[in-house]
Amino acid sequence: MQNKPLVGITADRTTIGKHPSHLVGEKYIAAIVDGAKALAMLLPALGERQPADDVLAAVDGLLFTGSYSNVEPYRYGGEPDEPGALYDAARDATTLPLLHAAIRAGVPVLAICRGLQEMNVVFGGTLHQSVHAVPGLHDHRENNEDSLELQYAPAHRISLTQGGLLQRLAGGADEARVNSLHDQGVAQLGEGLAIEARAPDGLIEAVSVRNARGFALGVQWHPEWKHAGDALSSAIFSAFGDACRERMRGKAGYVVAPATA
């Protein structure tokens, strides 16, 4: 009998050498295995070649990861592509329908950075393509010349929504400090999403799905980075893992009714 939930982790489609490849950062895998106490399965960006319903039947939860690529602007009615921006059409074709189907089916979802942006797009929201270029918003990008320790160090505080899921995971705290490594962000919030946290400049930093059948949280920062050393990060992955275990137990108790004549 399966004793750990199986979590699908979304991959980027990229090229290694001359070969098309599907890639997931180890930090996401480690956070699922060690933080959520689950089994990790990498989901290649194959779009309709692996239908969402087939994927959902196999997994107990889904982690939508961050990425160097951005959601293609036409997906949310944005302006034409920005010069130098990196896109991943194969990932978009995989994650957007999969996330929509997962929410509808009540499969637990944790969406990080690009994953949060995907969640907002799925619910009809829009994105700032360059947060730092928006009047009144701060520069939320990392310095690529810094060490990883500096890039992922706490960068700013976030204000947690009173009574929200994230505040409950934070033990009732009003604020937390998070890292910041993104150039895109939520512009108009998608219908059906609730704001869970904001940055000091007002940028949305976390959302949940209103009336979701299962765990459904999106965060703009990277809680997977050294999650064990941060109380909120640990709580996020623990809660996500618990939701995946609950779904696993529910699937195990499901009996298929015999076909009628």
Protein backbone atom coordinates (compact mmCIF):
# COMPACT_ATOMS: atom_id res chain seq x y z
CA MET A 1 0.00 0.00 0.00
CA GLN A 2 1.27 3.47 -0.85
CA ASN A 3 2.37 5.22 2.36
CA LYS A 4 3.53 8.55 0.93
CA PRO A 5 1.62 10.87 -1.39
CA LEU A 6 2.91 11.38 -4.92
CA VAL A 7 3.47 15.01 -5.92
CA GLY A 8 3.91 16.02 -9.53
CA ILE A 9 6.44 18.83 -10.05
CA THR A 10 6.14 20.85 -13.25
CA ALA A 11 9.21 20.97 -15.48
CA ASP A 12 10.53 23.53 -17.94
CA ARG A 13 11.32 22.55 -21.52
CA THR A 14 14.85 23.62 -22.35
CA THR A 15 17.87 22.50 -24.36
CA ILE A 16 20.90 20.79 -22.85
CA GLY A 17 23.65 20.61 -25.41
CA LYS A 18 21.71 19.85 -28.58
CA HIS A 19 18.97 17.87 -26.87
CA PRO A 20 15.49 19.08 -25.91
CA SER A 21 15.15 18.36 -22.20
CA HIS A 22 12.75 18.78 -19.30
CA LEU A 23 14.22 20.32 -16.19
CA VAL A 24 13.29 20.84 -12.53
CA GLY A 25 15.54 22.53 -9.97
CA GLU A 26 16.69 20.25 -7.16
CA LYS A 27 15.52 22.73 -4.50
CA TYR A 28 11.88 22.04 -5.47
CA ILE A 29 12.40 18.30 -5.36
CA ALA A 30 14.09 18.50 -1.95
CA ALA A 31 11.28 20.63 -0.53
CA ILE A 32 8.69 18.04 -1.60
CA VAL A 33 10.68 15.04 -0.36
CA ASP A 34 11.95 16.55 2.89
CA GLY A 35 9.43 19.32 3.60
CA ALA A 36 6.14 17.83 2.41
CA LYS A 37 7.30 14.27 3.23
CA ALA A 38 6.09 13.08 -0.17
CA LEU A 39 7.36 11.28 -3.23
CA ALA A 40 8.43 13.55 -6.08
CA MET A 41 7.55 12.93 -9.73
CA LEU A 42 8.75 15.26 -12.48
CA LEU A 43 6.08 16.25 -15.00
CA PRO A 44 7.52 16.94 -18.47
CA ALA A 45 6.12 19.85 -20.45
CA LEU A 46 4.36 17.73 -23.07
CA GLY A 47 1.05 19.55 -23.26
CA GLU A 48 -1.85 17.47 -24.59
CA ARG A 49 0.40 14.46 -25.13
CA GLN A 50 -0.15 13.79 -21.42
CA PRO A 51 -3.76 14.86 -20.78
CA ALA A 52 -4.45 16.68 -17.53
CA ASP A 53 -7.03 14.13 -16.41
CA ASP A 54 -4.50 11.30 -16.76
CA VAL A 55 -1.95 13.25 -14.73
CA LEU A 56 -4.47 14.05 -12.00
CA ALA A 57 -5.45 10.40 -11.72
CA ALA A 58 -1.82 9.53 -10.97
CA VAL A 59 -0.85 12.22 -8.45
CA ASP A 60 -1.96 13.34 -4.99
CA GLY A 61 -0.79 16.94 -5.40
CA LEU A 62 0.93 19.33 -7.78
CA LEU A 63 3.79 21.78 -7.31
CA PHE A 64 3.98 24.52 -9.95
CA THR A 65 7.55 25.76 -9.84
CA GLY A 66 9.34 29.00 -10.49
CA SER A 67 11.25 29.39 -13.74
CA TYR A 68 13.58 31.64 -15.70
CA SER A 69 10.86 31.83 -18.34
CA ASN A 70 7.72 33.96 -18.31
CA VAL A 71 4.14 33.20 -19.31
CA GLU A 72 3.64 34.27 -22.93
CA PRO A 73 1.82 37.64 -22.96
CA TYR A 74 -0.91 36.54 -25.38
CA ARG A 75 -2.13 34.16 -22.67
CA TYR A 76 -3.42 37.11 -20.65
CA GLY A 77 -3.89 39.80 -23.28
CA GLY A 78 -0.57 41.46 -22.55
CA GLU A 79 1.55 43.63 -24.79
CA PRO A 80 3.76 41.98 -27.45
CA ASP A 81 6.84 40.12 -26.28
CA GLU A 82 9.49 42.21 -24.60
CA PRO A 83 12.98 42.12 -26.21
CA GLY A 84 15.19 39.57 -24.47
CA ALA A 85 12.35 37.95 -22.51
CA LEU A 86 12.48 34.17 -22.17
CA TYR A 87 9.31 32.18 -22.84
CA ASP A 88 8.43 28.49 -22.67
CA ALA A 89 5.40 27.73 -24.83
CA ALA A 90 5.57 24.02 -24.00
CA ARG A 91 5.33 24.76 -20.30
CA ASP A 92 2.41 27.15 -20.80
CA ALA A 93 0.59 24.50 -22.84
CA THR A 94 1.10 22.03 -20.00
CA THR A 95 0.70 23.99 -16.79
CA LEU A 96 -2.21 26.29 -17.60
CA PRO A 97 -4.75 23.55 -18.45
CA LEU A 98 -3.32 21.29 -15.74
CA LEU A 99 -3.67 23.92 -13.03
CA HIS A 100 -7.23 24.69 -14.12
CA ALA A 101 -8.15 21.00 -14.05
CA ALA A 102 -6.45 20.44 -10.68
CA ILE A 103 -8.38 23.24 -8.99
CA ARG A 104 -11.62 21.96 -10.48
CA ALA A 105 -10.89 18.42 -9.25
CA GLY A 106 -9.80 19.48 -5.76
CA VAL A 107 -6.22 18.26 -6.19
CA PRO A 108 -3.89 20.10 -3.75
CA VAL A 109 -1.87 22.81 -5.50
CA LEU A 110 1.14 24.83 -4.37
CA ALA A 111 2.26 27.43 -6.92
CA ILE A 112 5.60 29.25 -6.55
CA CYS A 113 6.78 32.39 -8.40
CA ARG A 114 5.97 31.61 -12.06
CA GLY A 115 3.44 29.17 -10.64
CA LEU A 116 1.62 32.02 -8.88
CA GLN A 117 1.59 33.95 -12.14
CA GLU A 118 0.19 30.91 -13.94
CA MET A 119 -2.52 30.64 -11.30
CA ASN A 120 -3.48 34.28 -11.81
CA VAL A 121 -3.62 33.85 -15.59
CA VAL A 122 -5.76 30.71 -15.28
CA PHE A 123 -8.31 32.74 -13.31
CA GLY A 124 -8.38 35.50 -15.91
CA GLY A 125 -5.88 37.87 -14.27
CA THR A 126 -3.08 39.85 -15.91
CA LEU A 127 0.62 40.31 -15.24
CA HIS A 128 3.14 43.13 -15.05
CA GLN A 129 5.86 42.05 -17.48
CA SER A 130 8.44 44.23 -15.73
CA VAL A 131 7.48 45.11 -12.16
CA HIS A 132 10.47 47.45 -11.79
CA ALA A 133 9.19 49.59 -14.68
CA VAL A 134 5.77 50.18 -13.12
CA PRO A 135 5.50 53.56 -11.35
CA GLY A 136 5.17 53.11 -7.60
CA LEU A 137 6.43 49.52 -7.54
CA HIS A 138 9.87 48.49 -6.33
CA ASP A 139 12.52 46.45 -8.10
CA HIS A 140 11.85 42.86 -7.00
CA ARG A 141 14.67 41.28 -8.99
CA GLU A 142 17.73 39.58 -7.56
CA ASN A 143 21.30 40.64 -8.35
CA ASN A 144 22.62 37.86 -10.58
CA GLU A 145 26.18 38.61 -9.52
CA ASP A 146 25.43 37.92 -5.86
CA SER A 147 25.97 34.52 -4.30
CA LEU A 148 22.92 32.27 -3.97
CA GLU A 149 22.93 32.96 -0.24
CA LEU A 150 22.50 36.68 -0.90
CA GLN A 151 20.01 36.21 -3.73
CA TYR A 152 17.74 34.09 -1.55
CA ALA A 153 18.19 36.07 1.65
CA PRO A 154 15.11 37.86 3.06
CA ALA A 155 14.60 40.98 0.93
CA HIS A 156 11.45 42.63 2.26
CA ARG A 157 8.51 42.12 4.55
CA ILE A 158 5.02 41.08 3.50
CA SER A 159 1.76 41.96 5.22
CA LEU A 160 -0.47 38.93 5.73
CA THR A 161 -4.22 39.16 5.18
CA GLN A 162 -6.14 38.92 8.45
CA GLY A 163 -7.84 35.54 8.77
CA GLY A 164 -6.29 34.22 5.56
CA LEU A 165 -4.76 30.81 4.93
CA LEU A 166 -1.22 32.19 4.95
CA GLN A 167 -1.71 34.01 8.24
CA ARG A 168 -2.97 30.78 9.79
CA LEU A 169 0.11 28.97 8.53
CA ALA A 170 2.21 31.78 10.03
CA GLY A 171 0.68 31.15 13.45
CA GLY A 172 -1.42 34.32 13.38
CA ALA A 173 1.46 36.71 12.62
CA ASP A 174 0.69 39.94 10.79
CA GLU A 175 3.95 40.04 8.84
CA ALA A 176 6.75 37.86 7.52
CA ARG A 177 10.02 38.43 5.65
CA VAL A 178 10.61 36.78 2.29
CA ASN A 179 13.14 36.63 -0.51
CA SER A 180 12.50 38.32 -3.86
CA LEU A 181 13.69 36.99 -7.23
CA HIS A 182 11.19 37.97 -9.91
CA ASP A 183 10.66 40.59 -12.58
CA GLN A 184 7.01 39.79 -13.33
CA GLY A 185 4.09 40.01 -10.94
CA VAL A 186 0.33 40.15 -10.59
CA ALA A 187 -1.27 43.20 -12.19
CA GLN A 188 -5.02 42.57 -12.15
CA LEU A 189 -6.06 39.80 -9.78
CA GLY A 190 -7.89 36.87 -11.33
CA GLU A 191 -11.56 36.42 -10.48
CA GLY A 192 -12.01 33.81 -7.78
CA LEU A 193 -8.65 34.47 -6.12
CA ALA A 194 -8.15 35.96 -2.66
CA ILE A 195 -5.14 38.08 -1.69
CA GLU A 196 -3.12 36.40 1.06
CA ALA A 197 -0.19 38.86 1.29
CA ARG A 198 1.20 42.09 -0.14
CA ALA A 199 4.67 43.62 -0.36
CA PRO A 200 5.30 47.12 1.07
CA ASP A 201 4.76 48.66 -2.40
CA GLY A 202 1.35 46.99 -2.65
CA LEU A 203 2.36 44.22 -5.06
CA ILE A 204 0.43 41.01 -4.45
CA GLU A 205 2.77 38.41 -2.94
CA ALA A 206 0.41 35.49 -2.28
CA VAL A 207 -3.05 34.32 -3.28
CA SER A 208 -5.42 31.48 -2.53
CA VAL A 209 -8.40 30.14 -4.46
CA ARG A 210 -11.75 31.12 -2.99
CA ASN A 211 -13.99 28.15 -2.20
CA ALA A 212 -11.36 25.70 -3.41
CA ARG A 213 -12.13 22.02 -2.85
CA GLY A 214 -8.52 21.40 -1.84
CA PHE A 215 -5.36 23.21 -0.74
CA ALA A 216 -4.67 25.91 -3.33
CA LEU A 217 -2.01 28.50 -2.51
CA GLY A 218 0.27 30.61 -4.69
CA VAL A 219 3.27 32.60 -3.43
CA GLN A 220 5.53 35.00 -5.31
CA TRP A 221 8.68 34.27 -3.31
CA HIS A 222 10.69 31.03 -3.00
CA PRO A 223 9.83 29.11 0.19
CA GLU A 224 11.54 26.01 -1.20
CA TRP A 225 14.97 27.59 -0.64
CA LYS A 226 16.31 26.13 2.65
CA HIS A 227 12.72 25.67 3.77
CA ALA A 228 13.69 23.88 6.98
CA GLY A 229 15.34 27.04 8.32
CA ASP A 230 12.26 29.23 7.99
CA ALA A 231 9.11 28.73 10.05
CA LEU A 232 6.65 29.96 7.42
CA SER A 233 8.30 27.98 4.61
CA SER A 234 8.23 24.84 6.74
CA ALA A 235 4.57 25.41 7.57
CA ILE A 236 3.66 25.87 3.90
CA PHE A 237 5.24 22.60 2.81
CA SER A 238 3.95 20.74 5.85
CA ALA A 239 0.38 21.88 5.19
CA PHE A 240 0.69 21.06 1.50
CA GLY A 241 2.02 17.61 2.35
CA ASP A 242 -0.85 17.02 4.78
CA ALA A 243 -3.36 17.96 2.07
CA CYS A 244 -1.70 15.55 -0.35
CA ARG A 245 -1.82 12.76 2.24
CA GLU A 246 -5.50 13.43 2.79
CA ARG A 247 -6.15 13.12 -0.93
CA MET A 248 -4.09 9.93 -1.08
CA ARG A 249 -6.17 8.37 1.69
CA GLY A 250 -9.36 9.44 -0.06
CA LYS A 251 -8.25 7.84 -3.31
CA ALA A 252 -7.34 4.63 -1.48
CA GLY A 253 -10.86 4.41 -0.06
CA TYR A 254 -12.55 5.00 -3.39
CA VAL A 255 -14.35 1.98 -4.83
CA VAL A 256 -15.27 1.93 -8.49
CA ALA A 257 -18.92 0.99 -8.92
CA PRO A 258 -19.54 -1.99 -11.22
CA ALA A 259 -20.88 -1.18 -14.65
CA THR A 260 -24.63 -1.61 -15.01
CA ALA A 261 -26.09 -3.81 -17.67
